[in-house]
Amino acid sequence: MPQMKYEKHNARQYEQILRAARRLFVEKGIERVSFSAVADSCGIARATLYKYFPDKESLLWAIHRQALRTFGNALLARAEARPLTALERFSVYFEELARRFELDPDFLLFFDLFEKTYQAETARRGSAVYERMFRPGDFGSGDTARFLCENFNDGSLRAGLDAQLTAVSATYTAVYVLIGLGKDRAPLSLKYGMEAPAMARFLFDAFLRGISADGAPPR
């Protein structure tokens, strides 16, 4: 029993560190946040922080890995709940991304900060950093595109579309749209009287109509 309590405490503290560190990185930028600042925001000593993460790079990758895992699990759960057409897979992707945008804005704002590092490592085959930071079975690089490509030619999508091009375009178009809306949420609302989530849903709906076999989004 004492061992179990200790493990639960460690798990809670680990999650607390990830949340606090991500907030600091989004607020101040990665370069301006020190290990000491992360420890202070969690109310722990630097020595305690080092028990979980040997350096800032490991902490950054852990934040990103957790975000991808949470998002990936949500996608896979939707696909496991009932069979999805290819068009529905794109719709589910947009829905889950918009949901994360509304519930957890830092999710994409952190991705924007970390993206150059992530893309540089995942673009290289057999990246030692990526292999070290992601565990087997983790939802990682390329898995979103693979999710979207499944059953691609089931007839629900417009004929002649290239699976990989459509999937990657959808993946990054949606991400960058939400990053931009997240950064300018208040000014857009003030200037145009429109809320960012509504604008995102309109754009995603237009994308779905563009790839749908009958020009309509999933019902």
Protein backbone atom coordinates (compact mmCIF):
# COMPACT_ATOMS: atom_id res chain seq x y z
CA MET A 1 0.00 0.00 0.00
CA PRO A 2 2.70 2.62 0.81
CA GLN A 3 4.39 1.81 -2.51
CA MET A 4 1.11 2.33 -4.38
CA LYS A 5 0.56 5.71 -2.68
CA TYR A 6 4.11 6.73 -3.59
CA GLU A 7 3.56 5.78 -7.23
CA LYS A 8 0.27 7.71 -7.37
CA HIS A 9 1.97 10.74 -5.85
CA ASN A 10 4.73 10.52 -8.46
CA ALA A 11 2.19 10.24 -11.28
CA ARG A 12 0.27 13.28 -10.01
CA GLN A 13 3.47 15.29 -9.63
CA TYR A 14 4.61 14.30 -13.12
CA GLU A 15 1.32 15.55 -14.59
CA GLN A 16 1.53 18.74 -12.54
CA ILE A 17 5.02 19.43 -13.90
CA LEU A 18 3.89 18.93 -17.50
CA ARG A 19 0.91 21.27 -17.08
CA ALA A 20 2.89 23.99 -15.31
CA ALA A 21 5.83 23.81 -17.72
CA ARG A 22 3.62 23.95 -20.80
CA ARG A 23 1.83 27.05 -19.45
CA LEU A 24 5.16 28.75 -18.82
CA PHE A 25 6.49 27.89 -22.27
CA VAL A 26 3.34 29.23 -23.94
CA GLU A 27 3.38 32.42 -21.85
CA LYS A 28 7.08 33.24 -22.11
CA GLY A 29 8.57 31.17 -24.93
CA ILE A 30 10.78 28.12 -24.67
CA GLU A 31 14.09 29.97 -24.53
CA ARG A 32 13.01 32.23 -21.68
CA VAL A 33 11.90 29.49 -19.30
CA SER A 34 14.53 27.94 -17.05
CA PHE A 35 14.38 24.68 -15.13
CA SER A 36 14.33 26.74 -11.94
CA ALA A 37 11.24 28.62 -13.15
CA VAL A 38 9.44 25.34 -13.85
CA ALA A 39 10.35 24.01 -10.40
CA ASP A 40 9.20 27.23 -8.74
CA SER A 41 5.86 27.19 -10.55
CA CYS A 42 5.26 23.65 -9.25
CA GLY A 43 6.42 24.47 -5.73
CA ILE A 44 9.16 21.84 -5.86
CA ALA A 45 12.95 21.88 -5.64
CA ARG A 46 15.08 21.64 -8.79
CA ALA A 47 16.41 18.34 -7.47
CA THR A 48 12.86 16.96 -7.51
CA LEU A 49 12.36 18.16 -11.08
CA TYR A 50 15.57 16.39 -12.12
CA LYS A 51 14.14 13.13 -10.76
CA TYR A 52 11.59 13.23 -13.58
CA PHE A 53 13.47 15.01 -16.37
CA PRO A 54 17.25 15.12 -16.86
CA ASP A 55 17.08 18.29 -18.99
CA LYS A 56 14.74 20.77 -20.65
CA GLU A 57 14.76 18.86 -23.94
CA SER A 58 13.33 15.79 -22.22
CA LEU A 59 10.63 17.90 -20.60
CA LEU A 60 9.65 19.48 -23.92
CA TRP A 61 9.38 16.12 -25.64
CA ALA A 62 7.36 14.70 -22.73
CA ILE A 63 4.84 17.54 -23.04
CA HIS A 64 4.51 16.95 -26.77
CA ARG A 65 4.31 13.16 -26.42
CA GLN A 66 1.51 13.46 -23.86
CA ALA A 67 -0.44 15.87 -26.08
CA LEU A 68 -0.18 13.55 -29.09
CA ARG A 69 -1.14 10.54 -26.97
CA THR A 70 -4.24 12.29 -25.60
CA PHE A 71 -5.32 13.41 -29.05
CA GLY A 72 -4.50 10.08 -30.70
CA ASN A 73 -6.43 8.12 -28.08
CA ALA A 74 -9.47 10.32 -28.71
CA LEU A 75 -9.30 9.63 -32.46
CA LEU A 76 -8.85 5.89 -32.02
CA ALA A 77 -11.69 5.71 -29.49
CA ARG A 78 -14.05 7.30 -32.01
CA ALA A 79 -12.97 4.80 -34.66
CA GLU A 80 -13.40 1.87 -32.27
CA ALA A 81 -16.88 2.97 -31.20
CA ARG A 82 -18.29 2.29 -34.68
CA PRO A 83 -16.97 1.81 -38.22
CA LEU A 84 -16.15 5.12 -39.90
CA THR A 85 -16.23 5.97 -43.58
CA ALA A 86 -13.20 7.75 -45.00
CA LEU A 87 -15.11 11.05 -44.99
CA GLU A 88 -16.17 10.50 -41.39
CA ARG A 89 -12.55 9.99 -40.40
CA PHE A 90 -11.72 13.47 -41.67
CA SER A 91 -14.78 14.84 -39.88
CA VAL A 92 -13.78 13.14 -36.63
CA TYR A 93 -10.26 14.53 -36.93
CA PHE A 94 -11.59 18.07 -37.35
CA GLU A 95 -14.10 17.62 -34.52
CA GLU A 96 -11.52 16.35 -32.05
CA LEU A 97 -9.01 19.04 -32.99
CA ALA A 98 -11.65 21.77 -32.58
CA ARG A 99 -12.65 20.24 -29.26
CA ARG A 100 -9.06 20.37 -28.00
CA PHE A 101 -8.83 23.95 -29.24
CA GLU A 102 -11.83 24.96 -27.14
CA LEU A 103 -11.03 22.94 -24.01
CA ASP A 104 -7.25 23.29 -23.99
CA PRO A 105 -5.92 26.22 -26.09
CA ASP A 106 -2.33 25.61 -24.91
CA PHE A 107 -2.39 22.26 -26.76
CA LEU A 108 -1.82 23.90 -30.15
CA LEU A 109 0.02 26.99 -28.92
CA PHE A 110 2.72 24.72 -27.48
CA PHE A 111 2.85 22.76 -30.75
CA ASP A 112 3.52 26.04 -32.54
CA LEU A 113 6.52 26.69 -30.28
CA PHE A 114 7.92 23.17 -30.50
CA GLU A 115 7.09 22.40 -34.13
CA LYS A 116 10.48 23.22 -35.69
CA THR A 117 12.24 20.84 -33.31
CA TYR A 118 9.61 18.14 -33.79
CA GLN A 119 9.59 18.38 -37.59
CA ALA A 120 13.39 18.43 -37.80
CA GLU A 121 13.68 15.22 -35.79
CA THR A 122 10.76 13.37 -37.41
CA ALA A 123 11.95 14.26 -40.92
CA ARG A 124 15.13 12.24 -40.35
CA ARG A 125 14.75 8.50 -40.56
CA GLY A 126 15.80 6.76 -37.38
CA SER A 127 16.22 9.98 -35.39
CA ALA A 128 17.89 9.02 -32.12
CA VAL A 129 16.08 11.80 -30.28
CA TYR A 130 12.65 10.73 -31.55
CA GLU A 131 13.33 7.07 -30.81
CA ARG A 132 14.44 7.96 -27.29
CA MET A 133 11.51 10.23 -26.52
CA PHE A 134 8.66 8.16 -28.01
CA ARG A 135 7.87 4.69 -26.70
CA PRO A 136 6.66 1.80 -28.88
CA GLY A 137 2.91 2.10 -29.37
CA ASP A 138 2.81 5.86 -28.77
CA PHE A 139 0.71 7.93 -31.16
CA GLY A 140 3.44 9.80 -32.99
CA SER A 141 4.76 11.15 -36.27
CA GLY A 142 2.63 10.22 -39.28
CA ASP A 143 -0.08 8.47 -37.27
CA THR A 144 -2.71 11.14 -37.94
CA ALA A 145 -2.16 10.84 -41.70
CA ARG A 146 -2.34 7.04 -41.41
CA PHE A 147 -5.62 7.36 -39.51
CA LEU A 148 -7.05 9.56 -42.27
CA CYS A 149 -5.81 7.33 -45.10
CA GLU A 150 -7.57 4.22 -43.78
CA ASN A 151 -10.45 3.05 -46.04
CA PHE A 152 -9.68 6.06 -48.24
CA ASN A 153 -11.19 4.52 -51.38
CA ASP A 154 -14.49 3.42 -49.85
CA GLY A 155 -16.51 5.73 -52.13
CA SER A 156 -17.33 8.42 -49.57
CA LEU A 157 -14.64 10.74 -50.96
CA ARG A 158 -14.45 12.50 -54.31
CA ALA A 159 -12.84 10.31 -56.97
CA GLY A 160 -9.28 11.03 -58.01
CA LEU A 161 -8.01 12.38 -54.70
CA ASP A 162 -4.54 11.30 -53.60
CA ALA A 163 -4.78 9.73 -50.15
CA GLN A 164 -1.48 10.95 -48.70
CA LEU A 165 -1.79 14.46 -50.15
CA THR A 166 -5.34 14.84 -48.86
CA ALA A 167 -4.51 13.48 -45.40
CA VAL A 168 -1.39 15.58 -44.87
CA SER A 169 -3.12 18.68 -46.25
CA ALA A 170 -6.03 18.20 -43.86
CA THR A 171 -3.72 17.55 -40.93
CA TYR A 172 -1.61 20.66 -41.25
CA THR A 173 -4.26 23.01 -42.67
CA ALA A 174 -6.40 22.37 -39.60
CA VAL A 175 -3.51 22.72 -37.16
CA TYR A 176 -2.26 26.00 -38.62
CA VAL A 177 -5.76 27.46 -38.90
CA LEU A 178 -6.36 26.80 -35.22
CA ILE A 179 -2.93 28.10 -34.20
CA GLY A 180 -3.63 31.34 -36.05
CA LEU A 181 -7.11 31.67 -34.60
CA GLY A 182 -5.77 30.89 -31.14
CA LYS A 183 -3.23 33.69 -31.33
CA ASP A 184 -5.73 36.27 -32.60
CA ARG A 185 -8.84 35.06 -30.80
CA ALA A 186 -9.66 38.30 -28.95
CA PRO A 187 -8.92 40.77 -31.81
CA LEU A 188 -10.96 38.72 -34.31
CA SER A 189 -13.90 38.55 -31.95
CA LEU A 190 -13.72 42.28 -31.28
CA LYS A 191 -13.22 43.30 -34.92
CA TYR A 192 -15.69 41.00 -36.65
CA GLY A 193 -17.96 39.83 -33.85
CA MET A 194 -17.10 36.21 -34.66
CA GLU A 195 -15.85 33.57 -32.27
CA ALA A 196 -12.76 31.58 -33.29
CA PRO A 197 -14.37 28.11 -32.83
CA ALA A 198 -17.23 29.07 -35.18
CA MET A 199 -14.75 30.25 -37.82
CA ALA A 200 -12.79 27.01 -37.49
CA ARG A 201 -15.92 24.89 -37.88
CA PHE A 202 -16.91 26.86 -41.00
CA LEU A 203 -13.50 26.25 -42.61
CA PHE A 204 -13.49 22.56 -41.68
CA ASP A 205 -16.99 22.16 -43.10
CA ALA A 206 -15.82 23.74 -46.37
CA PHE A 207 -12.89 21.30 -46.54
CA LEU A 208 -15.21 18.33 -45.95
CA ARG A 209 -17.58 19.50 -48.69
CA GLY A 210 -14.61 19.82 -51.03
CA ILE A 211 -13.50 16.21 -50.59
CA SER A 212 -16.92 14.59 -50.17
CA ALA A 213 -18.17 12.39 -53.01
CA ASP A 214 -21.56 14.16 -53.00
CA GLY A 215 -20.36 17.61 -51.96
CA ALA A 216 -21.94 17.33 -48.52
CA PRO A 217 -20.31 16.80 -45.11
CA PRO A 218 -21.13 13.67 -43.04
CA ARG A 219 -24.64 13.68 -41.61
